[in-house]
Amino acid sequence: MSELLDAFWSYEKALGANDVAALDHWLLDAPDTVRAEGSMVLSGHAAISDFRRSRGTGAPARTVERVHEVPVTEGVAVLIAETLRAGGARGLQTQVWQLAGEGWRIAAAHVSAVPGPPADETPDPAVWRVVGEPLVAGAGEGPLAGLRTAVKDLFAVAGQRIGGGNPQWLAEAPVESQHADAVAKLLSAGAQLAGIAQTDELAFSLAGANTHYGTPVNPVAPGRITGGSSSGPAAAVARGWADLGLATDTAGSIRVPASYCGLYGWRPTHGSVPTGGLLPLAPSFDTVGLLAREPDLLCAAAKVLLPARETAPVTMLLVDDALTALAEPEVRASFEAVCRALALRTGLELVRTDTGMGHYLEEWLPDFRTVQAAEAWAAHGEWIDKHPGALGADIEARFAAGSRITDDEVCDANSRLTAARSVIAEALSPGAALLLPTTSSPALRADATLAEVETTRAATLRLTCLASLAGLPAVTMPRLRVRDLPVGLCAIGAPTMEHALLELTHA
C-alpha cells in the first residue's frame, strides 16, 4: 500500500507545518469523520477544521519512529504511528484510512493524550499563567489523591503571586505566604495543583477573552469562546490538562464556561465555602466553586470544600416558562426534552409554575449590576485610577460605570434586591429545584464583535443573576445540545441545598 504510506507522510508533513488547507485535504469530508485526543472528541470535517484553525499552532516537533499498517478490508486500513518528541515524551497516533474516490483519506484519528502541557512545550498562555509537575504537591492520601487541579488566578498560592488576568497587576502583586482557604482544603484532601490558570481581567467578564493573554481554545466547540471569567480552568479541564478546576462565580463565571465547554459546574450557597485568600470582585456575590468533566469528581471535591450538614433532598423539579423564554428557541426546545427525560430518570414530579421571577427580572438585573459594579470599583478603583490604560477596553468600561454609582443608588438597589430575595425564597421551598438553561445560547464564535459579546452577556445574565443575587446554590450539567454545541442544564435550590443539587448530576 505504497500510496497509503505516501498519503500518511504528506499528512504528517502538513501536521508539522500546521498547513490547515493540506490537513483538510487529507481528512475525509464527511459528517461522521472523528478526531479524538484525551477527553476531547470532534465529529465532522467542519468541526475538526475549525479546531485546527482556532488553536493557531501545529503538532509539536516530533519524529515518527515507526508506522504499523493493519489492513482491515478492501479500501480500509489502520495506521499506528509511534512518535518521539524533542524532550523525550512518546506518543501514539492511530488513524483509520479509507480509500475514497479522490484517494486515501482519514476517516477517524486518535492521538494519545499527554497528561498536562508536555515538559518540552511552552504552556498555552491563554490557559495557563504558570504550571508545574505539579506546581504544588498535595497530601499523599485523601479523597482527591493525585487529582490535577487548575486554580483560577484569583486564589493565593504560597510562593506565587496573584495575577488577576492582568500583567500589570501581576508585576506589582506580593508573593503569597500561604494558600487561600479553598486551595488548602483541596491540597489537604490529596489534590495537587497542576498550575495557575488564566481569568478574564479581575474576573469582570463572562466571555473568556483576555486582551493580554488571548482566548483559550474551546475543545468541544472549536472556533468558539470558552466563556469566563473562569476561562483558564474551564479550558484546562475540558482539554484533559486538569481533572478539576477551582474557580469563582460572581454572576455566572463558573456556570457560563461550564455550559460552553460541556462541563459540570457548581456554585455553593453564598458564604458556605471560605473565601480567605481570594482576590475579590463583588464580595456580596462572590462564591468559590468547581468545574469537572465527571459528576463523581465534582461531588467528591465539593464535599471537601463544604461544611458537613444535612440537607433536604430534591422532591420536585420546577420549570417557569417565563424564565425559559429568555433563552433562544433552539435552546428552549432542547431544554424541554431534557427536563422531561430528567423527570423520568429521577421519578420526580416536573411542575410548571409561575414563580414570579420572570416578571421582575427586568427590574432586578439593573439592581444586581449596580451593586456588582459599585463593589468592583470599591475593591479595585484606586488601583485602576493609578494605572490608566492597563485594562482592556470592555473591562475598563465596566469599572468606569461602577465609579459613577452613588451611595444612594447602591442603597436603593440593595433594598430592591432584598425584596427580590423574598420572592425567590417563596418560590424555592426546601426540596424544590428550579430548572433553567444555564446560558441563553451556545458559545459565541471567537471572532464575534464586541457588540455581539455584550448582547449575549446581557441575555445570559438574566438567567445567571437569579442564583447570584439571592446567594443560592446552583449546579450546571452538560445535557443540552444545540447545532451539535453544548449548553448546560442548570438547577437552583434553596440555601444549603448543595448536596441535594449535586446528586442530580448523577441522574
Protein backbone atom coordinates (compact mmCIF):
# COMPACT_ATOMS: atom_id res chain seq x y z
CA MET A 1 0.00 0.00 0.00
CA SER A 2 2.66 2.50 -1.02
CA GLU A 3 0.01 5.08 -1.97
CA LEU A 4 -1.39 4.91 1.57
CA LEU A 5 2.02 5.49 3.15
CA ASP A 6 2.68 8.35 0.74
CA ALA A 7 -0.60 9.91 1.90
CA PHE A 8 0.38 9.37 5.55
CA TRP A 9 3.73 11.14 5.15
CA SER A 10 2.10 14.01 3.27
CA TYR A 11 -0.37 14.37 6.12
CA GLU A 12 2.45 14.24 8.69
CA LYS A 13 4.33 16.99 6.85
CA ALA A 14 1.20 19.17 6.82
CA LEU A 15 0.69 18.49 10.53
CA GLY A 16 4.15 19.71 11.43
CA ALA A 17 3.75 22.84 9.30
CA ASN A 18 0.20 23.48 10.55
CA ASP A 19 -0.90 23.66 6.90
CA VAL A 20 -4.62 23.70 7.63
CA ALA A 21 -5.63 23.55 3.96
CA ALA A 22 -3.49 20.45 3.39
CA LEU A 23 -4.78 18.86 6.59
CA ASP A 24 -8.34 19.47 5.41
CA HIS A 25 -7.42 17.79 2.13
CA TRP A 26 -6.33 14.56 3.81
CA LEU A 27 -9.36 14.42 6.12
CA LEU A 28 -12.41 12.57 4.81
CA ASP A 29 -15.04 15.21 4.05
CA ALA A 30 -17.92 13.58 5.92
CA PRO A 31 -20.12 14.45 8.93
CA ASP A 32 -19.06 11.29 10.80
CA THR A 33 -15.31 11.79 10.50
CA VAL A 34 -13.88 11.68 14.04
CA ARG A 35 -10.79 13.02 15.80
CA ALA A 36 -10.15 12.20 19.47
CA GLU A 37 -7.48 13.43 21.89
CA GLY A 38 -7.67 12.87 25.62
CA SER A 39 -11.28 13.55 26.65
CA MET A 40 -11.96 15.67 23.54
CA VAL A 41 -13.89 14.11 20.64
CA LEU A 42 -14.62 16.14 17.50
CA SER A 43 -17.21 14.90 14.99
CA GLY A 44 -17.34 16.04 11.38
CA HIS A 45 -14.87 17.52 8.92
CA ALA A 46 -16.01 21.09 9.68
CA ALA A 47 -15.59 20.79 13.47
CA ILE A 48 -12.10 19.32 13.14
CA SER A 49 -11.10 22.03 10.68
CA ASP A 50 -12.44 24.77 12.98
CA PHE A 51 -10.44 23.33 15.88
CA ARG A 52 -7.22 23.35 13.90
CA ARG A 53 -7.73 26.93 12.80
CA SER A 54 -8.54 28.12 16.32
CA ARG A 55 -5.55 26.51 18.07
CA GLY A 56 -3.09 28.54 15.99
CA THR A 57 -0.15 26.11 16.10
CA GLY A 58 0.55 22.72 14.60
CA ALA A 59 1.61 19.50 16.25
CA PRO A 60 4.72 19.77 18.48
CA ALA A 61 8.05 18.91 16.87
CA ARG A 62 8.44 15.14 16.82
CA THR A 63 9.94 12.18 15.00
CA VAL A 64 7.83 9.33 13.67
CA GLU A 65 9.86 6.30 14.73
CA ARG A 66 7.70 3.52 13.35
CA VAL A 67 4.45 3.09 11.41
CA HIS A 68 2.36 -0.07 11.81
CA GLU A 69 0.00 -0.86 8.95
CA VAL A 70 -3.03 -3.13 9.54
CA PRO A 71 -5.32 -3.83 6.53
CA VAL A 72 -8.94 -4.16 7.66
CA THR A 73 -10.83 -4.78 4.45
CA GLU A 74 -10.56 -3.66 0.86
CA GLY A 75 -10.16 0.11 0.85
CA VAL A 76 -9.82 0.41 4.66
CA ALA A 77 -6.65 0.26 6.78
CA VAL A 78 -5.42 1.27 10.21
CA LEU A 79 -2.08 3.03 10.69
CA ILE A 80 -0.48 3.34 14.14
CA ALA A 81 2.47 5.73 14.36
CA GLU A 82 4.94 5.74 17.27
CA THR A 83 6.24 9.27 17.86
CA LEU A 84 9.08 10.80 19.87
CA ARG A 85 9.14 14.46 20.93
CA ALA A 86 12.26 16.53 21.39
CA GLY A 87 12.05 16.35 25.18
CA GLY A 88 11.76 12.55 25.19
CA ALA A 89 7.98 12.25 25.52
CA ARG A 90 6.49 9.43 23.47
CA GLY A 91 3.06 9.21 21.90
CA LEU A 92 0.83 7.20 19.60
CA GLN A 93 -1.27 8.32 16.68
CA THR A 94 -3.89 5.89 15.40
CA GLN A 95 -5.68 6.57 12.12
CA VAL A 96 -8.34 4.76 10.12
CA TRP A 97 -7.72 5.46 6.43
CA GLN A 98 -10.41 4.93 3.81
CA LEU A 99 -9.98 4.76 0.04
CA ALA A 100 -12.41 7.30 -1.41
CA GLY A 101 -12.95 8.49 -4.96
CA GLU A 102 -10.20 11.09 -4.59
CA GLY A 103 -7.75 8.67 -2.92
CA TRP A 104 -6.84 7.72 0.65
CA ARG A 105 -8.39 9.90 3.35
CA ILE A 106 -8.52 9.78 7.18
CA ALA A 107 -11.94 8.73 8.49
CA ALA A 108 -11.00 8.53 12.19
CA ALA A 109 -7.98 9.52 14.25
CA HIS A 110 -6.94 9.24 17.88
CA VAL A 111 -3.93 11.00 19.40
CA SER A 112 -2.60 9.66 22.70
CA ALA A 113 -3.07 12.23 25.46
CA VAL A 114 -0.18 13.87 27.25
CA PRO A 115 -1.15 14.47 30.91
CA GLY A 116 -0.81 18.21 31.04
CA PRO A 117 1.27 20.54 28.88
CA PRO A 118 4.36 18.48 27.98
CA ALA A 119 7.66 19.48 29.51
CA ASP A 120 9.12 20.21 26.07
CA GLU A 121 6.36 22.65 25.13
CA THR A 122 5.57 26.15 26.25
CA PRO A 123 2.23 26.02 28.12
CA ASP A 124 -0.60 27.76 26.29
CA PRO A 125 -0.53 31.32 27.72
CA ALA A 126 -4.26 31.72 27.08
CA VAL A 127 -4.89 28.82 29.50
CA TRP A 128 -2.01 28.83 31.99
CA ARG A 129 -0.07 31.55 33.73
CA VAL A 130 2.26 29.06 35.38
CA VAL A 131 2.39 25.25 35.52
CA GLY A 132 4.44 22.62 37.34
CA GLU A 133 4.92 18.88 37.63
CA PRO A 134 3.00 19.52 39.86
CA LEU A 135 3.20 23.18 40.83
CA VAL A 136 2.22 22.24 44.39
CA ALA A 137 2.01 18.68 45.69
CA GLY A 138 -0.95 17.65 47.80
CA ALA A 139 -1.20 15.31 50.75
CA GLY A 140 -0.15 11.77 49.99
CA GLU A 141 -3.66 10.44 50.51
CA GLY A 142 -7.26 11.56 50.74
CA PRO A 143 -10.46 11.54 48.69
CA LEU A 144 -8.83 13.65 45.96
CA ALA A 145 -5.43 11.95 45.99
CA GLY A 146 -3.41 12.74 42.86
CA LEU A 147 -6.12 14.73 41.09
CA ARG A 148 -4.70 17.55 38.98
CA THR A 149 -6.28 20.91 39.78
CA ALA A 150 -6.21 24.12 37.74
CA VAL A 151 -6.53 27.09 40.09
CA LYS A 152 -8.02 30.32 38.77
CA ASP A 153 -5.56 33.19 39.03
CA LEU A 154 -7.51 34.89 41.81
CA PHE A 155 -6.53 32.49 44.62
CA ALA A 156 -3.46 32.82 46.81
CA VAL A 157 -0.93 30.03 46.26
CA ALA A 158 2.02 30.10 48.64
CA GLY A 159 5.18 31.17 46.85
CA GLN A 160 3.26 32.65 43.90
CA ARG A 161 1.70 35.99 43.03
CA ILE A 162 -1.97 36.57 42.21
CA GLY A 163 -2.14 37.85 38.64
CA GLY A 164 -5.85 38.58 38.28
CA GLY A 165 -5.61 38.18 34.50
CA ASN A 166 -3.58 41.37 34.12
CA PRO A 167 0.22 41.58 33.66
CA GLN A 168 0.49 44.95 35.41
CA TRP A 169 -1.38 43.64 38.44
CA LEU A 170 0.86 40.56 38.46
CA ALA A 171 4.03 42.64 38.31
CA GLU A 172 3.05 44.60 41.42
CA ALA A 173 1.50 41.78 43.44
CA PRO A 174 3.31 40.43 46.51
CA VAL A 175 4.41 36.83 46.77
CA GLU A 176 1.80 34.99 48.83
CA SER A 177 2.95 33.45 52.10
CA GLN A 178 0.11 30.96 52.46
CA HIS A 179 -2.56 29.23 50.42
CA ALA A 180 -6.11 30.53 50.06
CA ASP A 181 -8.54 28.62 52.28
CA ALA A 182 -10.09 26.65 49.40
CA VAL A 183 -6.69 25.79 47.94
CA ALA A 184 -5.52 24.50 51.32
CA LYS A 185 -8.63 22.32 51.69
CA LEU A 186 -8.13 20.66 48.31
CA LEU A 187 -4.42 20.06 48.95
CA SER A 188 -5.19 18.52 52.34
CA ALA A 189 -7.61 16.14 50.60
CA GLY A 190 -4.83 14.94 48.31
CA ALA A 191 -5.33 17.10 45.22
CA GLN A 192 -2.25 18.56 43.54
CA LEU A 193 -2.03 21.90 41.79
CA ALA A 194 -1.23 21.42 38.12
CA GLY A 195 -0.93 25.16 37.68
CA ILE A 196 -2.47 28.60 37.95
CA ALA A 197 -4.96 29.19 35.15
CA GLN A 198 -5.97 32.40 33.43
CA THR A 199 -9.03 34.54 34.07
CA ASP A 200 -10.70 37.47 32.40
CA GLU A 201 -9.19 40.64 33.85
CA LEU A 202 -10.11 40.93 37.54
CA ALA A 203 -12.93 38.44 36.77
CA PHE A 204 -15.22 41.16 35.37
CA SER A 205 -16.45 39.35 32.23
CA LEU A 206 -18.35 36.29 31.04
CA ALA A 207 -16.61 35.94 27.67
CA GLY A 208 -13.24 34.31 28.39
CA ALA A 209 -11.27 36.59 26.06
CA ASN A 210 -8.27 38.29 27.64
CA THR A 211 -6.69 41.14 25.70
CA HIS A 212 -3.25 40.37 27.21
CA TYR A 213 -3.10 36.57 27.17
CA GLY A 214 -5.53 35.58 24.42
CA THR A 215 -8.66 33.46 24.09
CA PRO A 216 -8.36 29.77 25.06
CA VAL A 217 -9.37 27.09 22.58
CA ASN A 218 -12.75 25.55 23.40
CA PRO A 219 -12.09 21.87 22.60
CA VAL A 220 -15.75 20.83 22.46
CA ALA A 221 -16.83 23.83 20.37
CA PRO A 222 -13.92 24.67 18.05
CA GLY A 223 -13.73 28.27 16.93
CA ARG A 224 -15.92 29.42 19.83
CA ILE A 225 -15.20 31.08 23.16
CA THR A 226 -14.90 29.17 26.42
CA GLY A 227 -16.83 31.72 28.42
CA GLY A 228 -15.47 33.36 31.55
CA SER A 229 -14.29 34.62 33.75
CA SER A 230 -13.07 31.12 34.72
CA SER A 231 -11.77 30.61 31.19
CA GLY A 232 -8.41 29.07 32.05
CA PRO A 233 -9.68 26.42 34.49
CA ALA A 234 -12.53 25.53 32.11
CA ALA A 235 -10.20 25.14 29.12
CA ALA A 236 -7.68 23.13 31.16
CA VAL A 237 -10.34 20.72 32.42
CA ALA A 238 -12.05 20.41 29.04
CA ARG A 239 -8.71 19.66 27.34
CA GLY A 240 -7.85 16.99 29.93
CA TRP A 241 -4.89 19.01 31.24
CA ALA A 242 -6.54 19.07 34.67
CA ASP A 243 -9.13 16.92 36.40
CA LEU A 244 -10.63 19.70 38.47
CA GLY A 245 -10.95 23.47 38.21
CA LEU A 246 -11.05 25.66 41.32
CA ALA A 247 -12.80 28.84 40.28
CA THR A 248 -15.14 31.64 41.31
CA ASP A 249 -18.70 32.52 40.39
CA THR A 250 -20.00 36.04 40.99
CA ALA A 251 -22.51 36.47 38.15
CA GLY A 252 -22.03 33.16 36.35
CA SER A 253 -18.27 32.83 35.97
CA ILE A 254 -18.33 29.08 36.63
CA ARG A 255 -21.71 28.28 35.14
CA VAL A 256 -21.15 30.03 31.80
CA PRO A 257 -17.82 28.37 30.87
CA ALA A 258 -19.19 25.03 32.10
CA SER A 259 -22.16 25.47 29.75
CA TYR A 260 -19.99 26.45 26.78
CA CYS A 261 -17.33 23.76 27.36
CA GLY A 262 -19.60 20.81 28.14
CA LEU A 263 -18.54 20.57 31.80
CA TYR A 264 -20.17 20.12 35.17
CA GLY A 265 -20.04 23.26 37.30
CA TRP A 266 -21.07 24.15 40.84
CA ARG A 267 -21.52 27.36 42.82
CA PRO A 268 -22.39 26.97 46.51
CA THR A 269 -24.65 28.95 48.79
CA HIS A 270 -23.02 32.33 49.34
CA GLY A 271 -20.63 32.12 52.29
CA SER A 272 -20.66 28.33 52.65
CA VAL A 273 -17.14 27.94 51.22
CA PRO A 274 -14.50 30.25 52.74
CA THR A 275 -13.10 32.99 50.52
CA GLY A 276 -9.96 33.76 52.53
CA GLY A 277 -7.04 34.45 50.20
CA LEU A 278 -9.29 35.27 47.25
CA LEU A 279 -8.94 38.43 45.15
CA PRO A 280 -12.50 39.83 45.27
CA LEU A 281 -14.72 41.26 42.58
CA ALA A 282 -18.03 41.93 44.34
CA PRO A 283 -17.99 40.38 47.84
CA SER A 284 -21.78 40.39 48.18
CA PHE A 285 -21.96 37.87 45.34
CA ASP A 286 -18.51 36.20 45.14
CA THR A 287 -18.51 32.43 45.66
CA VAL A 288 -15.87 29.71 45.36
CA GLY A 289 -16.83 26.68 43.26
CA LEU A 290 -15.66 23.94 40.94
CA LEU A 291 -15.50 22.63 37.38
CA ALA A 292 -15.11 18.97 36.37
CA ARG A 293 -15.70 16.59 33.46
CA GLU A 294 -17.31 13.92 35.66
CA PRO A 295 -20.09 14.28 38.25
CA ASP A 296 -18.44 11.90 40.73
CA LEU A 297 -15.34 14.08 40.86
CA LEU A 298 -17.38 17.26 41.16
CA CYS A 299 -19.32 15.83 44.11
CA ALA A 300 -16.22 14.47 45.86
CA ALA A 301 -14.40 17.80 45.63
CA ALA A 302 -17.47 19.79 46.68
CA LYS A 303 -17.77 17.67 49.83
CA VAL A 304 -14.19 18.59 50.69
CA LEU A 305 -14.98 22.30 50.45
CA LEU A 306 -18.42 22.23 52.11
CA PRO A 307 -19.21 22.02 55.81
CA ALA A 308 -20.83 18.74 56.83
CA ARG A 309 -24.59 19.20 57.19
CA GLU A 310 -27.87 17.52 56.45
CA THR A 311 -29.96 18.99 53.65
CA ALA A 312 -33.41 18.28 52.30
CA PRO A 313 -33.43 16.05 49.21
CA VAL A 314 -34.82 17.29 45.92
CA THR A 315 -38.51 16.36 45.86
CA MET A 316 -39.74 18.28 42.81
CA LEU A 317 -38.45 19.88 39.63
CA LEU A 318 -39.79 23.33 38.77
CA VAL A 319 -39.98 24.92 35.33
CA ASP A 320 -41.02 28.53 34.86
CA ASP A 321 -41.89 29.26 31.23
CA ALA A 322 -41.24 32.97 31.72
CA LEU A 323 -37.63 32.22 32.62
CA THR A 324 -37.15 29.58 29.93
CA ALA A 325 -38.37 32.11 27.36
CA LEU A 326 -35.20 34.12 27.99
CA ALA A 327 -33.19 31.52 26.04
CA GLU A 328 -33.00 31.16 22.26
CA PRO A 329 -35.69 28.97 20.63
CA GLU A 330 -33.33 26.07 19.86
CA VAL A 331 -32.09 26.11 23.45
CA ARG A 332 -35.67 26.03 24.73
CA ALA A 333 -36.53 23.04 22.54
CA SER A 334 -33.57 21.04 23.84
CA PHE A 335 -34.31 22.17 27.40
CA GLU A 336 -37.90 20.86 27.27
CA ALA A 337 -36.79 17.42 26.09
CA VAL A 338 -34.03 17.18 28.70
CA CYS A 339 -36.34 18.22 31.55
CA ARG A 340 -38.83 15.50 30.65
CA ALA A 341 -36.06 12.92 30.49
CA LEU A 342 -34.66 14.05 33.87
CA ALA A 343 -38.07 13.72 35.50
CA LEU A 344 -38.42 10.18 34.14
CA ARG A 345 -34.96 9.13 35.31
CA THR A 346 -35.36 10.56 38.81
CA GLY A 347 -39.03 9.78 39.32
CA LEU A 348 -39.54 13.38 40.45
CA GLU A 349 -42.60 15.41 39.55
CA LEU A 350 -42.00 18.06 36.88
CA VAL A 351 -44.07 21.07 37.94
CA ARG A 352 -44.75 24.01 35.65
CA THR A 353 -45.28 27.10 37.72
CA ASP A 354 -45.18 30.87 37.56
CA THR A 355 -42.60 31.71 40.21
CA GLY A 356 -42.99 35.43 39.61
CA MET A 357 -39.28 35.77 38.91
CA GLY A 358 -39.71 36.29 35.18
CA HIS A 359 -41.97 39.28 35.77
CA TYR A 360 -39.38 41.11 37.89
CA LEU A 361 -36.14 40.24 36.15
CA GLU A 362 -36.01 43.42 34.11
CA GLU A 363 -36.06 45.32 37.43
CA TRP A 364 -33.72 43.01 39.33
CA LEU A 365 -30.94 42.77 36.74
CA PRO A 366 -30.11 46.52 36.73
CA ASP A 367 -30.05 46.49 40.53
CA PHE A 368 -27.76 43.48 40.58
CA ARG A 369 -25.41 45.09 38.07
CA THR A 370 -25.44 48.34 40.05
CA VAL A 371 -24.32 46.67 43.27
CA GLN A 372 -21.83 44.44 41.49
CA ALA A 373 -20.20 47.33 39.63
CA ALA A 374 -20.11 49.55 42.71
CA GLU A 375 -18.45 46.84 44.79
CA ALA A 376 -15.99 46.07 41.98
CA TRP A 377 -14.97 49.73 41.87
CA ALA A 378 -14.66 49.84 45.67
CA ALA A 379 -12.35 46.81 45.52
CA HIS A 380 -10.12 47.94 42.65
CA GLY A 381 -10.91 51.54 41.74
CA GLU A 382 -7.86 53.02 43.46
CA TRP A 383 -5.52 50.72 41.51
CA ILE A 384 -7.34 51.39 38.22
CA ASP A 385 -7.04 55.16 38.72
CA LYS A 386 -3.30 54.75 39.14
CA HIS A 387 -2.96 52.58 36.02
CA PRO A 388 -4.88 54.21 33.17
CA GLY A 389 -5.00 52.01 30.09
CA ALA A 390 -3.92 48.86 31.95
CA LEU A 391 -7.24 47.10 31.35
CA GLY A 392 -8.92 46.00 28.14
CA ALA A 393 -11.47 48.50 26.83
CA ASP A 394 -14.56 46.44 27.73
CA ILE A 395 -13.37 45.69 31.27
CA GLU A 396 -12.29 49.29 31.81
CA ALA A 397 -15.75 50.48 30.74
CA ARG A 398 -17.44 48.27 33.35
CA PHE A 399 -15.24 49.59 36.12
CA ALA A 400 -15.78 53.15 34.91
CA ALA A 401 -19.54 52.63 35.16
CA GLY A 402 -19.06 51.47 38.74
CA SER A 403 -17.11 54.62 39.58
CA ARG A 404 -20.15 56.76 38.74
CA ILE A 405 -22.61 54.95 41.02
CA THR A 406 -23.56 56.90 44.15
CA ASP A 407 -24.04 55.55 47.67
CA ASP A 408 -27.76 56.36 47.47
CA GLU A 409 -28.09 54.36 44.25
CA VAL A 410 -26.40 51.37 45.89
CA CYS A 411 -28.67 51.67 48.92
CA ASP A 412 -31.80 51.77 46.75
CA ALA A 413 -30.61 48.84 44.63
CA ASN A 414 -29.83 46.75 47.71
CA SER A 415 -33.27 47.50 49.13
CA ARG A 416 -34.93 46.20 45.96
CA LEU A 417 -32.66 43.14 45.90
CA THR A 418 -33.75 42.31 49.45
CA ALA A 419 -37.34 42.27 48.20
CA ALA A 420 -36.25 40.14 45.23
CA ARG A 421 -34.73 37.56 47.57
CA SER A 422 -38.08 37.25 49.34
CA VAL A 423 -39.84 36.48 46.04
CA ILE A 424 -37.22 33.86 45.16
CA ALA A 425 -37.28 32.29 48.64
CA GLU A 426 -41.05 31.93 48.49
CA ALA A 427 -40.82 30.12 45.14
CA LEU A 428 -37.99 27.80 46.17
CA SER A 429 -39.24 25.91 49.17
CA PRO A 430 -36.82 23.29 50.59
CA GLY A 431 -36.80 20.33 48.22
CA ALA A 432 -37.66 22.30 45.09
CA ALA A 433 -35.08 22.55 42.30
CA LEU A 434 -35.68 25.22 39.66
CA LEU A 435 -34.53 24.09 36.21
CA LEU A 436 -33.49 26.54 33.52
CA PRO A 437 -30.96 26.74 30.67
CA THR A 438 -27.59 27.74 32.08
CA THR A 439 -26.95 30.19 29.23
CA SER A 440 -29.23 31.83 26.71
CA SER A 441 -27.32 30.33 23.77
CA PRO A 442 -24.32 28.17 22.88
CA ALA A 443 -20.90 29.79 22.91
CA LEU A 444 -20.32 32.67 20.53
CA ARG A 445 -17.70 32.36 17.81
CA ALA A 446 -14.28 33.58 18.93
CA ASP A 447 -14.36 36.31 16.28
CA ALA A 448 -17.69 37.77 17.48
CA THR A 449 -17.86 41.54 17.63
CA LEU A 450 -17.83 43.40 20.93
CA ALA A 451 -21.48 44.31 20.35
CA GLU A 452 -22.39 40.62 19.91
CA VAL A 453 -20.49 39.73 23.07
CA GLU A 454 -22.29 42.41 25.09
CA THR A 455 -25.71 41.38 23.76
CA THR A 456 -25.11 37.73 24.63
CA ARG A 457 -23.69 38.69 28.04
CA ALA A 458 -26.83 40.67 28.89
CA ALA A 459 -29.11 37.82 27.77
CA THR A 460 -27.21 35.20 29.78
CA LEU A 461 -27.01 37.43 32.87
CA ARG A 462 -30.81 37.35 33.05
CA LEU A 463 -30.52 33.62 33.71
CA THR A 464 -27.38 33.52 35.85
CA CYS A 465 -28.18 36.51 38.08
CA LEU A 466 -31.00 34.71 39.91
CA ALA A 467 -28.72 32.44 41.93
CA SER A 468 -26.15 35.22 42.27
CA LEU A 469 -28.40 37.96 43.64
CA ALA A 470 -30.10 35.55 46.06
CA GLY A 471 -26.88 33.80 47.14
CA LEU A 472 -28.29 30.40 46.16
CA PRO A 473 -26.52 27.16 45.25
CA ALA A 474 -26.62 26.01 41.63
CA VAL A 475 -25.24 23.19 39.52
CA THR A 476 -24.93 23.03 35.76
CA MET A 477 -24.83 19.78 33.79
CA PRO A 478 -23.79 19.26 30.14
CA ARG A 479 -27.16 17.99 28.93
CA LEU A 480 -28.47 20.30 26.17
CA ARG A 481 -27.30 20.20 22.54
CA VAL A 482 -27.93 22.98 20.02
CA ARG A 483 -26.49 22.61 16.49
CA ASP A 484 -24.14 20.00 17.99
CA LEU A 485 -22.88 22.55 20.54
CA PRO A 486 -23.18 22.10 24.32
CA VAL A 487 -25.44 24.16 26.58
CA GLY A 488 -25.83 23.47 30.27
CA LEU A 489 -28.91 22.49 32.24
CA CYS A 490 -28.93 24.47 35.49
CA ALA A 491 -30.62 23.52 38.76
CA ILE A 492 -31.03 26.13 41.51
CA GLY A 493 -32.13 25.31 45.05
CA ALA A 494 -32.83 26.88 48.40
CA PRO A 495 -29.86 27.85 50.63
CA THR A 496 -27.65 24.95 51.77
CA MET A 497 -29.19 22.52 49.25
CA GLU A 498 -25.79 21.89 47.64
CA HIS A 499 -25.60 18.17 48.35
CA ALA A 500 -29.11 17.54 47.04
CA LEU A 501 -28.42 19.50 43.84
CA LEU A 502 -25.11 17.71 43.34
CA GLU A 503 -26.94 14.39 43.46
CA LEU A 504 -28.94 15.49 40.43
CA THR A 505 -25.75 15.48 38.35
CA HIS A 506 -25.76 11.66 38.51
CA ALA A 507 -29.28 11.36 37.04
